[in-house]
Amino acid sequence: MTLRLKATILGAALSLGLAAVVPAQEASGSPGIFNQLAGPGGKVTFVTGPHPESGEPASVKASTSPEGGFRQLEAHGELTLESPQLYLECLHLVFDAAAQTIFAQDRVVIRQEGVNASADEALFHIDTGSANLTGTPKVDYATEDNRLHFDGMQSFQLDKDEDGGALMMLRGPREISINIETKSGTTASGDPTEGFAGLGDTVQIYAAPRGTVEPEVSMASAGEGEMGRFHATGSIRLNSETFDLRCDELTYDAAAGEVEALYNVYIKKQGIEADCGRMLYDLATGKITLTVDPDIRQQDPSGTLHIWNMDSFIIEQRSDGTIDTDIRGGPDDEPRMEFISAPETKEDSAPTESTPSGPTEINLDDPGTLPRP
C-alpha cells in the first residue's frame, strides 16, 4: 500500500511543454526545446477554434528572433494542444522564450500520465520544470496503488528537486481538501509504514484557516515516487478507518514511519476520546502516544472513565482489534481517575388501561350515568 507521488506529476510534462505552442509541422525547425515535447519521432498537434463564449475567430500572433526561432507566441480562442507527453486545453496561451515560460489562462485543463488537473491559470517554467496553478485548481493524481484528489486551494505549486523528486505546496485561503484512496488488494505486504495506507483504505485530510492564518500543505516525494514527507498547518482534520484526528499542525515522515500532530490535538479511536498537546503515531507498531497534558475519556456500555494528571497515555491495538492502554507518570506520579456509570435503563412496564380523556356522555333517562353526589 505504498503511496506514490511520481516526480513526473505535471513537472516533467510541463518542462516539455514549450513545443506545444507551435504547429507540429514547424516543430522540427524550432530550437531544441520545441522538440522535447514531441520526443523522438513524436507528433505535436496544436488546434485552434473560435472562442466558445464570444464566438470570435481564433488568433495566433508570433514573433521570431534573428536566428529564426520563436521569441514569443500568443494565441486566443478554443485551444487544444496534444502530444505524447502532455494534453492541454485553454482559451489563452502565451509562450515566452526568454523567460522559458508557458502561461495558460481560462478553462485550463491539463492531462499527463496519471494526472488530470484544471485551473483558472497555469504558469509553467520550462528551465526548472516547476509549475504553478492558481485560481481554483483541482488536481487528480493516480498511481497503480493509489488515487489522490486535491481541491479547495488557491494555488498549487510544483517544483522538482535534484534527485528527480517532486515538491508540492498547496495554499489557502479556503479549506484545502486531500482525499487519498488505496485500491483494494494492495496490502499483501501488510507493512503499515508504507505511507498513509497504514491508516486505512481511505484517508481524508482537511486544512482550514485558523483565525487569520491561511492553511498550507506541503508534500515531498522521493525519486521513485513514494511520498517522503507531508506537512500541514491550519485547522487540520484527518478522517480515516483507523482514527479521527484534529490538530493545528500535522506531519507525516516516511523515513521515521511516524505521524505527528501538534497543538490543540483531539483524537477519537474506537471508544477513546482524548485531548492533548502532542500525538505521535508509530505506523510500524500501531502505537499511539499522547503527551502534553493528555485528558482521556474512555467509554464502554457501563460508563465513562475520565483520566487526567499524567505525563503520557499510550494506545496499542492488538491484531484481534482490541485495545491496550498504558498510563505513565504525572506531576506527582499519581494520575487522576473518575468513573461515571451509565444511567440505568428502565424496562418498559406493562401497558395499563388509560382513563378516557374528554367529556363523559350523560343520559338523563339512565340514572346510572348521572354524576354521583
Protein backbone atom coordinates (compact mmCIF):
# COMPACT_ATOMS: atom_id res chain seq x y z
CA MET A 1 0.00 0.00 0.00
CA THR A 2 2.78 2.40 -0.90
CA LEU A 3 1.53 5.91 -1.53
CA ARG A 4 3.34 7.00 -4.65
CA LEU A 5 3.63 10.54 -5.96
CA LYS A 6 5.74 10.36 -9.09
CA ALA A 7 8.08 13.24 -9.69
CA THR A 8 6.67 13.45 -13.21
CA ILE A 9 3.34 14.83 -11.93
CA LEU A 10 2.93 17.97 -14.03
CA GLY A 11 6.59 18.87 -13.59
CA ALA A 12 8.16 16.62 -16.21
CA ALA A 13 5.33 17.17 -18.64
CA LEU A 14 5.38 20.90 -18.14
CA SER A 15 9.13 21.02 -18.60
CA LEU A 16 8.44 19.71 -22.11
CA GLY A 17 5.52 21.99 -22.82
CA LEU A 18 7.32 24.56 -24.97
CA ALA A 19 6.98 22.54 -28.15
CA ALA A 20 3.25 22.62 -27.66
CA VAL A 21 2.81 26.23 -28.66
CA VAL A 22 3.80 25.77 -32.30
CA PRO A 23 2.16 23.77 -35.07
CA ALA A 24 3.52 20.27 -35.41
CA GLN A 25 4.93 20.91 -38.88
CA GLU A 26 7.08 23.76 -37.52
CA ALA A 27 8.45 21.93 -34.51
CA SER A 28 11.28 20.30 -36.44
CA GLY A 29 12.68 23.68 -37.44
CA SER A 30 12.47 25.21 -33.99
CA PRO A 31 15.17 25.30 -31.31
CA GLY A 32 15.76 22.01 -29.49
CA ILE A 33 13.43 22.85 -26.63
CA PHE A 34 10.49 22.78 -29.04
CA ASN A 35 11.21 19.20 -29.93
CA GLN A 36 11.30 17.95 -26.35
CA LEU A 37 7.55 17.57 -26.08
CA ALA A 38 7.29 15.59 -29.31
CA GLY A 39 10.14 13.26 -28.42
CA PRO A 40 11.94 11.06 -30.98
CA GLY A 41 9.59 10.52 -33.89
CA GLY A 42 6.68 12.00 -31.93
CA LYS A 43 4.00 14.40 -33.05
CA VAL A 44 2.68 17.62 -31.54
CA THR A 45 -0.73 18.93 -32.59
CA PHE A 46 -1.91 22.46 -31.82
CA VAL A 47 -5.55 23.11 -32.77
CA THR A 48 -7.32 26.48 -32.55
CA GLY A 49 -11.03 27.25 -32.77
CA PRO A 50 -13.43 30.15 -32.23
CA HIS A 51 -13.80 31.45 -28.69
CA PRO A 52 -16.60 29.37 -27.10
CA GLU A 53 -18.19 32.39 -25.39
CA SER A 54 -17.76 35.32 -27.78
CA GLY A 55 -17.64 33.31 -30.99
CA GLU A 56 -14.70 35.41 -32.21
CA PRO A 57 -12.28 33.61 -34.54
CA ALA A 58 -9.10 32.26 -33.00
CA SER A 59 -5.98 34.42 -33.27
CA VAL A 60 -2.30 33.47 -33.16
CA LYS A 61 0.45 36.10 -33.03
CA ALA A 62 4.14 35.16 -33.11
CA SER A 63 7.45 36.99 -33.16
CA THR A 64 10.77 35.44 -34.12
CA SER A 65 14.37 36.02 -33.11
CA PRO A 66 17.13 36.92 -35.59
CA GLU A 67 18.19 33.28 -35.55
CA GLY A 68 14.76 32.28 -36.80
CA GLY A 69 13.35 30.68 -33.68
CA PHE A 70 10.16 31.78 -31.95
CA ARG A 71 10.69 34.53 -29.38
CA GLN A 72 7.07 34.83 -28.29
CA LEU A 73 3.78 33.31 -29.33
CA GLU A 74 0.33 34.30 -28.12
CA ALA A 75 -2.94 32.59 -29.01
CA HIS A 76 -6.60 33.24 -28.18
CA GLY A 77 -9.61 31.05 -28.79
CA GLU A 78 -10.50 27.47 -28.01
CA LEU A 79 -7.01 26.00 -27.88
CA THR A 80 -6.05 22.33 -27.72
CA LEU A 81 -2.51 21.04 -27.56
CA GLU A 82 -1.77 17.33 -27.75
CA SER A 83 1.50 15.40 -27.65
CA PRO A 84 2.82 12.05 -26.39
CA GLN A 85 3.66 13.74 -23.08
CA LEU A 86 1.02 16.40 -22.47
CA TYR A 87 -2.56 17.32 -23.28
CA LEU A 88 -3.55 20.94 -22.63
CA GLU A 89 -6.73 22.95 -23.16
CA CYS A 90 -7.22 26.67 -22.52
CA LEU A 91 -8.58 29.88 -24.05
CA HIS A 92 -5.40 31.98 -23.82
CA LEU A 93 -1.82 30.80 -24.23
CA VAL A 94 1.46 32.73 -24.15
CA PHE A 95 4.94 31.33 -24.77
CA ASP A 96 7.95 33.45 -23.77
CA ALA A 97 11.27 32.04 -24.99
CA ALA A 98 13.43 34.47 -23.00
CA ALA A 99 11.74 33.59 -19.71
CA GLN A 100 11.24 29.97 -20.81
CA THR A 101 7.67 30.01 -19.59
CA ILE A 102 4.26 28.98 -20.85
CA PHE A 103 1.27 30.82 -19.45
CA ALA A 104 -2.19 29.27 -19.90
CA GLN A 105 -5.36 31.07 -18.84
CA ASP A 106 -9.14 30.49 -18.76
CA ARG A 107 -10.62 27.00 -18.54
CA VAL A 108 -7.19 25.39 -18.25
CA VAL A 109 -7.23 21.59 -18.43
CA ILE A 110 -4.05 19.51 -18.14
CA ARG A 111 -3.69 15.77 -18.65
CA GLN A 112 -0.49 13.85 -18.29
CA GLU A 113 0.38 10.30 -17.23
CA GLY A 114 -1.78 9.69 -14.16
CA VAL A 115 -2.70 13.37 -13.79
CA ASN A 116 -5.88 15.31 -14.51
CA ALA A 117 -5.86 18.96 -13.46
CA SER A 118 -7.87 22.10 -14.03
CA ALA A 119 -7.27 25.72 -13.03
CA ASP A 120 -8.05 29.32 -13.89
CA GLU A 121 -4.39 29.97 -14.71
CA ALA A 122 -1.21 27.94 -15.04
CA LEU A 123 2.39 29.12 -15.33
CA PHE A 124 4.99 26.56 -16.45
CA HIS A 125 8.74 27.17 -16.07
CA ILE A 126 10.49 25.18 -18.78
CA ASP A 127 14.03 25.55 -17.42
CA THR A 128 13.24 24.31 -13.90
CA GLY A 129 10.27 22.05 -14.58
CA SER A 130 8.17 23.87 -11.98
CA ALA A 131 4.52 24.78 -12.34
CA ASN A 132 2.06 26.98 -10.51
CA LEU A 133 -1.71 26.53 -10.87
CA THR A 134 -3.84 29.34 -9.46
CA GLY A 135 -7.47 30.41 -9.21
CA THR A 136 -9.43 27.34 -8.20
CA PRO A 137 -7.14 24.45 -9.16
CA LYS A 138 -8.27 20.87 -8.84
CA VAL A 139 -5.78 18.04 -9.23
CA ASP A 140 -6.41 14.31 -9.54
CA TYR A 141 -3.39 12.02 -9.41
CA ALA A 142 -3.49 8.25 -9.79
CA THR A 143 -0.80 5.61 -9.45
CA GLU A 144 -1.04 1.84 -9.69
CA ASP A 145 -1.95 1.61 -6.00
CA ASN A 146 -3.42 4.98 -5.02
CA ARG A 147 -5.61 7.85 -6.12
CA LEU A 148 -5.29 11.37 -4.71
CA HIS A 149 -7.62 14.33 -5.14
CA PHE A 150 -6.58 17.90 -4.21
CA ASP A 151 -9.26 20.59 -4.02
CA GLY A 152 -10.12 23.90 -2.36
CA MET A 153 -6.69 25.51 -2.57
CA GLN A 154 -5.98 28.91 -4.10
CA SER A 155 -2.67 27.80 -5.57
CA PHE A 156 -0.91 24.53 -6.34
CA GLN A 157 2.83 24.81 -6.88
CA LEU A 158 5.13 22.04 -8.06
CA ASP A 159 8.93 22.01 -8.10
CA LYS A 160 11.47 19.30 -8.83
CA ASP A 161 14.44 18.55 -6.62
CA GLU A 162 17.90 17.48 -7.76
CA ASP A 163 17.10 13.80 -7.27
CA GLY A 164 14.05 13.90 -9.51
CA GLY A 165 11.55 14.02 -6.66
CA ALA A 166 8.54 16.31 -6.54
CA LEU A 167 7.92 19.12 -4.07
CA MET A 168 4.31 20.34 -3.86
CA MET A 169 2.88 23.32 -2.00
CA LEU A 170 -0.86 23.94 -1.56
CA ARG A 171 -2.07 27.26 -0.14
CA GLY A 172 -5.47 28.63 1.05
CA PRO A 173 -7.21 30.89 1.85
CA ARG A 174 -10.16 28.49 1.82
CA GLU A 175 -10.27 24.96 3.19
CA ILE A 176 -7.94 22.61 1.35
CA SER A 177 -9.10 19.03 0.98
CA ILE A 178 -6.97 16.00 0.17
CA ASN A 179 -8.54 12.61 -0.43
CA ILE A 180 -6.29 9.55 -0.55
CA GLU A 181 -7.77 6.26 -1.74
CA THR A 182 -5.87 2.98 -1.80
CA LYS A 183 -7.06 0.33 -4.21
CA SER A 184 -8.12 -2.98 -2.66
CA GLY A 185 -5.79 -5.91 -2.98
CA THR A 186 -2.60 -3.92 -2.48
CA THR A 187 -1.97 -4.79 1.16
CA ALA A 188 -0.27 -8.13 0.68
CA SER A 189 2.86 -6.96 2.48
CA GLY A 190 0.78 -5.69 5.40
CA ASP A 191 3.52 -3.17 6.18
CA PRO A 192 1.84 -0.10 7.72
CA THR A 193 4.97 2.00 7.28
CA GLU A 194 4.27 2.38 3.57
CA GLY A 195 2.60 5.77 3.67
CA PHE A 196 -0.86 6.89 4.64
CA ALA A 197 -2.18 3.50 3.58
CA GLY A 198 -1.28 2.37 7.08
CA LEU A 199 -4.24 4.44 8.26
CA GLY A 200 -6.77 2.61 6.09
CA ASP A 201 -8.01 2.35 2.52
CA THR A 202 -9.40 5.90 2.55
CA VAL A 203 -7.85 8.92 4.28
CA GLN A 204 -9.35 12.40 4.11
CA ILE A 205 -7.38 15.44 5.25
CA TYR A 206 -8.80 18.97 5.52
CA ALA A 207 -6.73 22.08 6.22
CA ALA A 208 -8.94 25.09 7.04
CA PRO A 209 -8.00 28.64 8.11
CA ARG A 210 -7.16 29.06 11.78
CA GLY A 211 -8.19 32.58 12.69
CA THR A 212 -6.37 34.85 10.26
CA VAL A 213 -3.78 32.17 9.41
CA GLU A 214 -4.32 30.64 5.98
CA PRO A 215 -3.84 26.88 5.60
CA GLU A 216 -0.73 25.46 3.96
CA VAL A 217 0.09 21.93 2.87
CA SER A 218 3.48 20.78 1.58
CA MET A 219 4.32 17.35 0.19
CA ALA A 220 7.57 15.81 -0.99
CA SER A 221 8.15 12.61 -2.91
CA ALA A 222 11.29 10.59 -3.49
CA GLY A 223 12.71 9.82 -6.91
CA GLU A 224 10.80 6.52 -7.14
CA GLY A 225 7.56 8.36 -6.40
CA GLU A 226 6.94 7.35 -2.78
CA MET A 227 5.77 10.12 -0.52
CA GLY A 228 8.62 11.12 1.75
CA ARG A 229 7.03 13.85 3.83
CA PHE A 230 3.69 15.58 4.35
CA HIS A 231 3.20 18.73 6.42
CA ALA A 232 0.02 20.74 7.01
CA THR A 233 -0.73 23.78 9.15
CA GLY A 234 -4.04 25.48 9.91
CA SER A 235 -7.08 23.92 11.46
CA ILE A 236 -6.44 20.30 10.46
CA ARG A 237 -8.85 17.37 10.37
CA LEU A 238 -7.95 13.82 9.43
CA ASN A 239 -10.58 11.12 9.00
CA SER A 240 -9.59 7.53 8.42
CA GLU A 241 -10.65 3.97 9.15
CA THR A 242 -8.10 3.87 11.97
CA PHE A 243 -8.97 7.05 13.88
CA ASP A 244 -10.26 10.61 13.58
CA LEU A 245 -7.94 13.49 14.42
CA ARG A 246 -7.97 17.27 14.81
CA CYS A 247 -4.91 19.47 15.39
CA ASP A 248 -3.16 22.68 14.30
CA GLU A 249 -0.12 21.01 12.70
CA LEU A 250 0.22 17.58 11.10
CA THR A 251 3.39 15.89 9.85
CA TYR A 252 3.95 12.55 8.15
CA ASP A 253 7.57 11.36 7.89
CA ALA A 254 8.14 8.23 5.79
CA ALA A 255 11.76 7.79 6.91
CA ALA A 256 10.71 7.72 10.57
CA GLY A 257 7.44 5.88 9.87
CA GLU A 258 5.54 8.37 12.04
CA VAL A 259 2.55 10.68 12.00
CA GLU A 260 2.83 13.60 14.44
CA ALA A 261 0.05 16.00 15.45
CA LEU A 262 0.73 19.17 17.46
CA TYR A 263 -1.32 21.81 19.31
CA ASN A 264 -4.99 21.52 20.24
CA VAL A 265 -4.95 17.83 19.41
CA TYR A 266 -8.18 15.84 19.60
CA ILE A 267 -8.25 12.14 18.75
CA LYS A 268 -11.06 9.61 18.61
CA LYS A 269 -10.27 5.93 18.30
CA GLN A 270 -12.93 3.31 18.96
CA GLY A 271 -14.26 4.06 22.48
CA ILE A 272 -11.48 6.51 23.40
CA GLU A 273 -11.59 10.29 23.04
CA ALA A 274 -8.65 12.42 24.09
CA ASP A 275 -7.34 15.99 24.11
CA CYS A 276 -3.62 16.73 24.37
CA GLY A 277 -0.81 18.89 23.02
CA ARG A 278 1.03 16.20 21.02
CA MET A 279 0.24 12.88 19.39
CA LEU A 280 2.82 10.53 17.92
CA TYR A 281 1.60 7.57 15.85
CA ASP A 282 4.20 4.85 15.17
CA LEU A 283 2.97 3.28 11.92
CA ALA A 284 5.22 0.23 12.28
CA THR A 285 3.79 -0.84 15.63
CA GLY A 286 0.43 0.93 15.54
CA LYS A 287 1.24 2.56 18.89
CA ILE A 288 -0.23 5.99 19.62
CA THR A 289 1.44 8.09 22.33
CA LEU A 290 -0.36 11.15 23.71
CA THR A 291 1.64 13.71 25.69
CA VAL A 292 1.45 17.35 26.91
CA ASP A 293 -1.49 17.37 29.33
CA PRO A 294 -3.45 14.43 27.93
CA ASP A 295 -7.09 14.28 29.01
CA ILE A 296 -8.75 10.92 28.30
CA ARG A 297 -12.37 9.76 28.17
CA GLN A 298 -12.72 6.02 27.73
CA GLN A 299 -16.25 4.78 27.20
CA ASP A 300 -17.92 1.39 27.34
CA PRO A 301 -21.53 0.28 27.94
CA SER A 302 -21.05 0.50 31.73
CA GLY A 303 -19.98 4.14 31.73
CA THR A 304 -17.15 6.61 31.11
CA LEU A 305 -13.68 6.54 32.67
CA HIS A 306 -12.09 10.00 32.85
CA ILE A 307 -8.27 10.02 33.24
CA TRP A 308 -6.04 13.08 33.64
CA ASN A 309 -2.98 14.38 35.51
CA MET A 310 -0.47 12.13 33.68
CA ASP A 311 2.64 12.52 31.54
CA SER A 312 1.60 10.21 28.72
CA PHE A 313 -1.18 7.90 27.62
CA ILE A 314 -0.38 5.06 25.22
CA ILE A 315 -2.87 3.27 22.96
CA GLU A 316 -1.88 0.00 21.32
CA GLN A 317 -4.18 -2.05 19.10
CA ARG A 318 -3.86 -5.82 19.07
CA SER A 319 -4.20 -7.97 15.98
CA ASP A 320 -7.67 -9.08 17.13
CA GLY A 321 -8.89 -5.47 17.12
CA THR A 322 -8.90 -4.98 20.90
CA ILE A 323 -7.01 -2.08 22.52
CA ASP A 324 -4.46 -1.97 25.32
CA THR A 325 -3.78 1.31 27.13
CA ASP A 326 -0.94 2.38 29.40
CA ILE A 327 -0.88 5.37 31.78
CA ARG A 328 2.51 6.78 32.69
CA GLY A 329 3.78 9.41 35.13
CA GLY A 330 2.18 12.64 36.20
CA PRO A 331 3.08 15.80 38.15
CA ASP A 332 3.08 13.79 41.37
CA ASP A 333 3.18 10.36 39.74
CA GLU A 334 -0.46 9.95 40.66
CA PRO A 335 -2.79 10.09 37.66
CA ARG A 336 -6.38 11.00 38.48
CA MET A 337 -9.29 8.79 37.51
CA GLU A 338 -13.02 9.27 37.75
CA PHE A 339 -15.67 6.81 36.65
CA ILE A 340 -19.21 7.85 35.82
CA SER A 341 -21.59 4.94 35.37
CA ALA A 342 -24.08 4.91 32.55
CA PRO A 343 -27.66 5.83 33.52
CA GLU A 344 -29.80 2.81 34.32
CA THR A 345 -32.18 1.96 31.56
CA LYS A 346 -35.67 1.22 32.90
CA GLU A 347 -37.61 -1.58 31.34
CA ASP A 348 -40.94 -0.66 29.87
CA SER A 349 -43.78 -1.56 32.29
CA ALA A 350 -46.85 -3.49 31.14
CA PRO A 351 -49.43 -1.30 29.47
CA THR A 352 -52.36 -0.18 31.67
CA GLU A 353 -55.80 0.90 30.71
CA SER A 354 -55.84 4.60 30.14
CA THR A 355 -58.55 6.81 31.54
CA PRO A 356 -60.55 8.24 28.69
CA SER A 357 -59.98 11.91 28.18
CA GLY A 358 -62.67 14.39 27.22
CA PRO A 359 -66.31 14.73 28.39
CA THR A 360 -68.31 11.70 29.61
CA GLU A 361 -71.64 11.09 27.97
CA ILE A 362 -74.65 11.54 30.34
CA ASN A 363 -78.05 10.08 29.63
CA LEU A 364 -80.80 11.74 31.68
CA ASP A 365 -83.04 8.73 31.13
CA ASP A 366 -80.41 6.43 32.66
CA PRO A 367 -79.73 7.22 36.35
CA GLY A 368 -76.53 5.14 36.19
CA THR A 369 -74.87 7.77 34.02
CA LEU A 370 -75.65 10.67 36.31
CA PRO A 371 -72.75 12.05 38.40
CA ARG A 372 -72.61 10.85 41.98
CA PRO A 373 -73.01 13.48 44.69
